[in-house]
Amino acid sequence: MQTQYAIFGLGTPEVIVIVVVILIFFGGKRIPELMRGIGQGVREFNAAKSNIKTEIEEGMKDKPAPAKETAEEKKA
C-alpha cells in the first residue's frame, strides 16, 4: 500500500525522486545552508505577522469611546 501525502497527492516514490533531484541540484553541503535560510525567512515572517496582530489589537483597545452629549451641547 502506498502512502499518500496531503500536499498535492504525492506518494512515497515521488517524494524520494524530489529529494534526490534536490540533492543533485544543490549538493549535500549547500542543503543545510538552504534550510537555515528558509528557517530564517519563516521566523521573520512569523515575527512580522505577530507584530501586525499586536498593533491591530492595541489599536482596537486604544479606540476612544464615543463622547456623550450633555444637555448644554444639545441646546447649542
PDB file of N, CA and C in Angstrom:
ATOM      1  N   MET A   1       0.831  -1.182   0.000  1.00  0.00           N
ATOM      2  CA  MET A   1       0.000   0.000   0.000  1.00  0.00           C
ATOM      3  C   MET A   1       0.879   1.250   0.000  1.00  0.00           C
ATOM      4  N   GLN A   2       0.515   2.204  -0.791  1.00  0.00           N
ATOM      5  CA  GLN A   2       1.308   3.410  -0.956  1.00  0.00           C
ATOM      6  C   GLN A   2       0.739   4.531  -0.090  1.00  0.00           C
ATOM      7  N   THR A   3       1.615   5.241   0.623  1.00  0.00           N
ATOM      8  CA  THR A   3       1.194   6.349   1.474  1.00  0.00           C
ATOM      9  C   THR A   3       0.995   7.588   0.613  1.00  0.00           C
ATOM     10  N   GLN A   4      -0.134   8.247   0.791  1.00  0.00           N
ATOM     11  CA  GLN A   4      -0.398   9.493   0.081  1.00  0.00           C
ATOM     12  C   GLN A   4      -0.193  10.652   1.040  1.00  0.00           C
ATOM     13  N   TYR A   5       0.614  11.627   0.651  1.00  0.00           N
ATOM     14  CA  TYR A   5       0.822  12.808   1.466  1.00  0.00           C
ATOM     15  C   TYR A   5      -0.258  13.823   1.147  1.00  0.00           C
ATOM     16  N   ALA A   6      -0.583  14.650   2.119  1.00  0.00           N
ATOM     17  CA  ALA A   6      -1.690  15.597   1.982  1.00  0.00           C
ATOM     18  C   ALA A   6      -1.402  16.673   0.936  1.00  0.00           C
ATOM     19  N   ILE A   7      -0.138  16.974   0.711  1.00  0.00           N
ATOM     20  CA  ILE A   7       0.203  18.054  -0.211  1.00  0.00           C
ATOM     21  C   ILE A   7       0.294  17.521  -1.633  1.00  0.00           C
ATOM     22  N   PHE A   8      -0.549  17.990  -2.486  1.00  0.00           N
ATOM     23  CA  PHE A   8      -0.553  17.683  -3.922  1.00  0.00           C
ATOM     24  C   PHE A   8      -0.723  16.205  -4.234  1.00  0.00           C
ATOM     25  N   GLY A   9      -1.157  15.395  -3.306  1.00  0.00           N
ATOM     26  CA  GLY A   9      -1.378  13.979  -3.551  1.00  0.00           C
ATOM     27  C   GLY A   9      -0.111  13.224  -3.911  1.00  0.00           C
ATOM     28  N   LEU A  10       1.023  13.607  -3.348  1.00  0.00           N
ATOM     29  CA  LEU A  10       2.299  12.952  -3.645  1.00  0.00           C
ATOM     30  C   LEU A  10       2.425  11.653  -2.864  1.00  0.00           C
ATOM     31  N   GLY A  11       2.946  10.643  -3.501  1.00  0.00           N
ATOM     32  CA  GLY A  11       3.222   9.378  -2.840  1.00  0.00           C
ATOM     33  C   GLY A  11       4.687   9.286  -2.461  1.00  0.00           C
ATOM     34  N   THR A  12       5.061   8.187  -1.839  1.00  0.00           N
ATOM     35  CA  THR A  12       6.437   7.989  -1.390  1.00  0.00           C
ATOM     36  C   THR A  12       7.441   8.029  -2.545  1.00  0.00           C
ATOM     37  N   PRO A  13       7.179   7.350  -3.681  1.00  0.00           N
ATOM     38  CA  PRO A  13       8.174   7.401  -4.780  1.00  0.00           C
ATOM     39  C   PRO A  13       8.411   8.825  -5.299  1.00  0.00           C
ATOM     40  N   GLU A  14       7.351   9.626  -5.381  1.00  0.00           N
ATOM     41  CA  GLU A  14       7.514  10.993  -5.875  1.00  0.00           C
ATOM     42  C   GLU A  14       8.359  11.822  -4.914  1.00  0.00           C
ATOM     43  N   VAL A  15       8.139  11.644  -3.612  1.00  0.00           N
ATOM     44  CA  VAL A  15       8.908  12.384  -2.616  1.00  0.00           C
ATOM     45  C   VAL A  15      10.377  11.984  -2.698  1.00  0.00           C
ATOM     46  N   ILE A  16      10.652  10.710  -2.871  1.00  0.00           N
ATOM     47  CA  ILE A  16      12.038  10.233  -2.986  1.00  0.00           C
ATOM     48  C   ILE A  16      12.714  10.845  -4.209  1.00  0.00           C
ATOM     49  N   VAL A  17      12.017  10.883  -5.333  1.00  0.00           N
ATOM     50  CA  VAL A  17      12.571  11.476  -6.553  1.00  0.00           C
ATOM     51  C   VAL A  17      12.864  12.959  -6.342  1.00  0.00           C
ATOM     52  N   ILE A  18      11.962  13.666  -5.686  1.00  0.00           N
ATOM     53  CA  ILE A  18      12.162  15.093  -5.424  1.00  0.00           C
ATOM     54  C   ILE A  18      13.387  15.309  -4.540  1.00  0.00           C
ATOM     55  N   VAL A  19      13.537  14.495  -3.498  1.00  0.00           N
ATOM     56  CA  VAL A  19      14.687  14.617  -2.598  1.00  0.00           C
ATOM     57  C   VAL A  19      15.988  14.348  -3.345  1.00  0.00           C
ATOM     58  N   VAL A  20      16.006  13.335  -4.208  1.00  0.00           N
ATOM     59  CA  VAL A  20      17.212  13.010  -4.978  1.00  0.00           C
ATOM     60  C   VAL A  20      17.560  14.155  -5.932  1.00  0.00           C
ATOM     61  N   VAL A  21      16.552  14.728  -6.577  1.00  0.00           N
ATOM     62  CA  VAL A  21      16.802  15.850  -7.500  1.00  0.00           C
ATOM     63  C   VAL A  21      17.362  17.043  -6.735  1.00  0.00           C
ATOM     64  N   ILE A  22      16.834  17.321  -5.549  1.00  0.00           N
ATOM     65  CA  ILE A  22      17.338  18.426  -4.738  1.00  0.00           C
ATOM     66  C   ILE A  22      18.789  18.167  -4.338  1.00  0.00           C
ATOM     67  N   LEU A  23      19.103  16.928  -3.941  1.00  0.00           N
ATOM     68  CA  LEU A  23      20.477  16.587  -3.582  1.00  0.00           C
ATOM     69  C   LEU A  23      21.424  16.776  -4.756  1.00  0.00           C
ATOM     70  N   ILE A  24      20.999  16.359  -5.935  1.00  0.00           N
ATOM     71  CA  ILE A  24      21.841  16.511  -7.123  1.00  0.00           C
ATOM     72  C   ILE A  24      21.999  17.988  -7.489  1.00  0.00           C
ATOM     73  N   PHE A  25      20.898  18.720  -7.427  1.00  0.00           N
ATOM     74  CA  PHE A  25      20.910  20.120  -7.847  1.00  0.00           C
ATOM     75  C   PHE A  25      21.731  21.001  -6.900  1.00  0.00           C
ATOM     76  N   PHE A  26      21.523  20.848  -5.587  1.00  0.00           N
ATOM     77  CA  PHE A  26      22.190  21.713  -4.616  1.00  0.00           C
ATOM     78  C   PHE A  26      23.450  21.107  -4.027  1.00  0.00           C
ATOM     79  N   GLY A  27      23.531  19.813  -3.955  1.00  0.00           N
ATOM     80  CA  GLY A  27      24.682  19.176  -3.323  1.00  0.00           C
ATOM     81  C   GLY A  27      24.480  19.088  -1.820  1.00  0.00           C
ATOM     82  N   GLY A  28      25.153  18.123  -1.210  1.00  0.00           N
ATOM     83  CA  GLY A  28      24.969  17.867   0.211  1.00  0.00           C
ATOM     84  C   GLY A  28      25.455  18.985   1.111  1.00  0.00           C
ATOM     85  N   LYS A  29      26.432  19.756   0.662  1.00  0.00           N
ATOM     86  CA  LYS A  29      26.994  20.811   1.511  1.00  0.00           C
ATOM     87  C   LYS A  29      26.122  22.061   1.545  1.00  0.00           C
ATOM     88  N   ARG A  30      25.361  22.306   0.501  1.00  0.00           N
ATOM     89  CA  ARG A  30      24.555  23.528   0.427  1.00  0.00           C
ATOM     90  C   ARG A  30      23.178  23.367   1.060  1.00  0.00           C
ATOM     91  N   ILE A  31      22.725  22.148   1.267  1.00  0.00           N
ATOM     92  CA  ILE A  31      21.377  21.938   1.798  1.00  0.00           C
ATOM     93  C   ILE A  31      21.209  22.516   3.206  1.00  0.00           C
ATOM     94  N   PRO A  32      22.145  22.298   4.151  1.00  0.00           N
ATOM     95  CA  PRO A  32      21.960  22.929   5.465  1.00  0.00           C
ATOM     96  C   PRO A  32      21.896  24.459   5.385  1.00  0.00           C
ATOM     97  N   GLU A  33      22.695  25.026   4.500  1.00  0.00           N
ATOM     98  CA  GLU A  33      22.671  26.469   4.279  1.00  0.00           C
ATOM     99  C   GLU A  33      21.307  26.917   3.764  1.00  0.00           C
ATOM    100  N   LEU A  34      20.777  26.163   2.830  1.00  0.00           N
ATOM    101  CA  LEU A  34      19.468  26.455   2.246  1.00  0.00           C
ATOM    102  C   LEU A  34      18.381  26.352   3.313  1.00  0.00           C
ATOM    103  N   MET A  35      18.435  25.324   4.127  1.00  0.00           N
ATOM    104  CA  MET A  35      17.432  25.124   5.178  1.00  0.00           C
ATOM    105  C   MET A  35      17.513  26.240   6.227  1.00  0.00           C
ATOM    106  N   ARG A  36      18.729  26.687   6.566  1.00  0.00           N
ATOM    107  CA  ARG A  36      18.871  27.796   7.514  1.00  0.00           C
ATOM    108  C   ARG A  36      18.232  29.059   6.955  1.00  0.00           C
ATOM    109  N   GLY A  37      18.449  29.309   5.682  1.00  0.00           N
ATOM    110  CA  GLY A  37      17.851  30.486   5.042  1.00  0.00           C
ATOM    111  C   GLY A  37      16.337  30.417   5.034  1.00  0.00           C
ATOM    112  N   ILE A  38      15.801  29.236   4.738  1.00  0.00           N
ATOM    113  CA  ILE A  38      14.344  29.062   4.749  1.00  0.00           C
ATOM    114  C   ILE A  38      13.804  29.252   6.163  1.00  0.00           C
ATOM    115  N   GLY A  39      14.493  28.685   7.158  1.00  0.00           N
ATOM    116  CA  GLY A  39      14.064  28.825   8.550  1.00  0.00           C
ATOM    117  C   GLY A  39      14.084  30.272   9.004  1.00  0.00           C
ATOM    118  N   GLN A  40      15.113  31.007   8.619  1.00  0.00           N
ATOM    119  CA  GLN A  40      15.207  32.418   8.988  1.00  0.00           C
ATOM    120  C   GLN A  40      14.073  33.211   8.339  1.00  0.00           C
ATOM    121  N   GLY A  41      13.764  32.902   7.099  1.00  0.00           N
ATOM    122  CA  GLY A  41      12.657  33.583   6.422  1.00  0.00           C
ATOM    123  C   GLY A  41      11.325  33.317   7.093  1.00  0.00           C
ATOM    124  N   VAL A  42      11.106  32.071   7.495  1.00  0.00           N
ATOM    125  CA  VAL A  42       9.861  31.712   8.188  1.00  0.00           C
ATOM    126  C   VAL A  42       9.779  32.426   9.528  1.00  0.00           C
ATOM    127  N   ARG A  43      10.900  32.480  10.271  1.00  0.00           N
ATOM    128  CA  ARG A  43      10.907  33.185  11.561  1.00  0.00           C
ATOM    129  C   ARG A  43      10.595  34.670  11.376  1.00  0.00           C
ATOM    130  N   GLU A  44      11.192  35.311  10.374  1.00  0.00           N
ATOM    131  CA  GLU A  44      10.936  36.726  10.118  1.00  0.00           C
ATOM    132  C   GLU A  44       9.474  36.950   9.736  1.00  0.00           C
ATOM    133  N   PHE A  45       8.914  36.057   8.933  1.00  0.00           N
ATOM    134  CA  PHE A  45       7.508  36.171   8.540  1.00  0.00           C
ATOM    135  C   PHE A  45       6.601  36.066   9.757  1.00  0.00           C
ATOM    136  N   ASN A  46       6.873  35.080  10.627  1.00  0.00           N
ATOM    137  CA  ASN A  46       6.047  34.904  11.820  1.00  0.00           C
ATOM    138  C   ASN A  46       6.182  36.090  12.771  1.00  0.00           C
ATOM    139  N   ALA A  47       7.377  36.648  12.890  1.00  0.00           N
ATOM    140  CA  ALA A  47       7.572  37.824  13.740  1.00  0.00           C
ATOM    141  C   ALA A  47       6.788  39.019  13.198  1.00  0.00           C
ATOM    142  N   ALA A  48       6.826  39.224  11.899  1.00  0.00           N
ATOM    143  CA  ALA A  48       6.086  40.329  11.291  1.00  0.00           C
ATOM    144  C   ALA A  48       4.588  40.128  11.460  1.00  0.00           C
ATOM    145  N   LYS A  49       4.139  38.892  11.282  1.00  0.00           N
ATOM    146  CA  LYS A  49       2.715  38.587  11.449  1.00  0.00           C
ATOM    147  C   LYS A  49       2.267  38.851  12.885  1.00  0.00           C
ATOM    148  N   SER A  50       3.088  38.454  13.838  1.00  0.00           N
ATOM    149  CA  SER A  50       2.782  38.677  15.253  1.00  0.00           C
ATOM    150  C   SER A  50       2.765  40.161  15.576  1.00  0.00           C
ATOM    151  N   ASN A  51       3.721  40.901  15.018  1.00  0.00           N
ATOM    152  CA  ASN A  51       3.800  42.342  15.248  1.00  0.00           C
ATOM    153  C   ASN A  51       2.557  43.048  14.717  1.00  0.00           C
ATOM    154  N   ILE A  52       2.121  42.689  13.542  1.00  0.00           N
ATOM    155  CA  ILE A  52       0.930  43.301  12.947  1.00  0.00           C
ATOM    156  C   ILE A  52      -0.299  42.973  13.792  1.00  0.00           C
ATOM    157  N   LYS A  53      -0.404  41.730  14.221  1.00  0.00           N
ATOM    158  CA  LYS A  53      -1.549  41.317  15.052  1.00  0.00           C
ATOM    159  C   LYS A  53      -1.580  42.114  16.350  1.00  0.00           C
ATOM    160  N   THR A  54      -0.412  42.287  16.976  1.00  0.00           N
ATOM    161  CA  THR A  54      -0.323  43.054  18.218  1.00  0.00           C
ATOM    162  C   THR A  54      -0.732  44.504  17.996  1.00  0.00           C
ATOM    163  N   GLU A  55      -0.256  45.114  16.916  1.00  0.00           N
ATOM    164  CA  GLU A  55      -0.602  46.501  16.621  1.00  0.00           C
ATOM    165  C   GLU A  55      -2.097  46.665  16.395  1.00  0.00           C
ATOM    166  N   ILE A  56      -2.719  45.721  15.708  1.00  0.00           N
ATOM    167  CA  ILE A  56      -4.157  45.802  15.463  1.00  0.00           C
ATOM    168  C   ILE A  56      -4.922  45.678  16.775  1.00  0.00           C
ATOM    169  N   GLU A  57      -4.524  44.722  17.627  1.00  0.00           N
ATOM    170  CA  GLU A  57      -5.200  44.543  18.909  1.00  0.00           C
ATOM    171  C   GLU A  57      -5.039  45.773  19.796  1.00  0.00           C
ATOM    172  N   GLU A  58      -3.841  46.374  19.829  1.00  0.00           N
ATOM    173  CA  GLU A  58      -3.620  47.586  20.625  1.00  0.00           C
ATOM    174  C   GLU A  58      -4.422  48.748  20.078  1.00  0.00           C
ATOM    175  N   GLY A  59      -4.525  48.840  18.771  1.00  0.00           N
ATOM    176  CA  GLY A  59      -5.311  49.908  18.153  1.00  0.00           C
ATOM    177  C   GLY A  59      -6.781  49.792  18.490  1.00  0.00           C
ATOM    178  N   MET A  60      -7.271  48.582  18.597  1.00  0.00           N
ATOM    179  CA  MET A  60      -8.678  48.387  18.950  1.00  0.00           C
ATOM    180  C   MET A  60      -8.915  48.744  20.416  1.00  0.00           C
ATOM    181  N   LYS A  61      -7.934  48.492  21.279  1.00  0.00           N
ATOM    182  CA  LYS A  61      -8.086  48.817  22.699  1.00  0.00           C
ATOM    183  C   LYS A  61      -8.004  50.317  22.935  1.00  0.00           C
ATOM    184  N   ASP A  62      -7.187  51.019  22.162  1.00  0.00           N
ATOM    185  CA  ASP A  62      -6.959  52.445  22.350  1.00  0.00           C
ATOM    186  C   ASP A  62      -8.058  53.307  21.736  1.00  0.00           C
ATOM    187  N   LYS A  63      -8.998  52.703  21.041  1.00  0.00           N
ATOM    188  CA  LYS A  63     -10.049  53.467  20.383  1.00  0.00           C
ATOM    189  C   LYS A  63     -10.894  54.159  21.440  1.00  0.00           C
ATOM    190  N   PRO A  64     -11.010  55.487  21.383  1.00  0.00           N
ATOM    191  CA  PRO A  64     -11.786  56.193  22.403  1.00  0.00           C
ATOM    192  C   PRO A  64     -13.280  55.910  22.259  1.00  0.00           C
ATOM    193  N   ALA A  65     -13.948  55.868  23.397  1.00  0.00           N
ATOM    194  CA  ALA A  65     -15.392  55.658  23.397  1.00  0.00           C
ATOM    195  C   ALA A  65     -16.051  56.930  22.892  1.00  0.00           C
ATOM    196  N   PRO A  66     -17.186  56.797  22.202  1.00  0.00           N
ATOM    197  CA  PRO A  66     -17.859  57.999  21.713  1.00  0.00           C
ATOM    198  C   PRO A  66     -18.319  58.858  22.892  1.00  0.00           C
ATOM    199  N   ALA A  67     -18.133  60.174  22.750  1.00  0.00           N
ATOM    200  CA  ALA A  67     -18.496  61.103  23.820  1.00  0.00           C
ATOM    201  C   ALA A  67     -20.009  61.265  23.865  1.00  0.00           C
ATOM    202  N   LYS A  68     -20.536  61.281  25.075  1.00  0.00           N
ATOM    203  CA  LYS A  68     -21.973  61.500  25.245  1.00  0.00           C
ATOM    204  C   LYS A  68     -22.237  62.993  25.264  1.00  0.00           C
ATOM    205  N   GLU A  69     -23.309  63.371  24.592  1.00  0.00           N
ATOM    206  CA  GLU A  69     -23.653  64.787  24.551  1.00  0.00           C
ATOM    207  C   GLU A  69     -24.354  65.184  25.839  1.00  0.00           C
ATOM    208  N   THR A  70     -23.983  66.326  26.341  1.00  0.00           N
ATOM    209  CA  THR A  70     -24.654  66.843  27.536  1.00  0.00           C
ATOM    210  C   THR A  70     -25.863  67.667  27.116  1.00  0.00           C
ATOM    211  N   ALA A  71     -26.677  68.007  28.053  1.00  0.00           N
ATOM    212  CA  ALA A  71     -27.883  68.795  27.753  1.00  0.00           C
ATOM    213  C   ALA A  71     -27.507  70.150  27.190  1.00  0.00           C
ATOM    214  N   GLU A  72     -26.401  70.742  27.669  1.00  0.00           N
ATOM    215  CA  GLU A  72     -25.987  72.059  27.169  1.00  0.00           C
ATOM    216  C   GLU A  72     -25.530  71.992  25.725  1.00  0.00           C
ATOM    217  N   GLU A  73     -24.867  70.913  25.346  1.00  0.00           N
ATOM    218  CA  GLU A  73     -24.382  70.771  23.966  1.00  0.00           C
ATOM    219  C   GLU A  73     -25.553  70.563  23.018  1.00  0.00           C
ATOM    220  N   LYS A  74     -26.604  69.882  23.470  1.00  0.00           N
ATOM    221  CA  LYS A  74     -27.768  69.661  22.610  1.00  0.00           C
ATOM    222  C   LYS A  74     -28.498  70.981  22.307  1.00  0.00           C
ATOM    223  N   LYS A  75     -28.520  71.920  23.280  1.00  0.00           N
ATOM    224  CA  LYS A  75     -29.185  73.194  23.105  1.00  0.00           C
ATOM    225  C   LYS A  75     -28.431  74.098  22.129  1.00  0.00           C
ATOM    226  N   ALA A  76     -27.122  73.934  22.064  1.00  0.00           N
ATOM    227  CA  ALA A  76     -26.307  74.832  21.251  1.00  0.00           C
ATOM    228  C   ALA A  76     -26.394  74.551  19.825  1.00  0.00           C
TER     229      ALA A  76
END
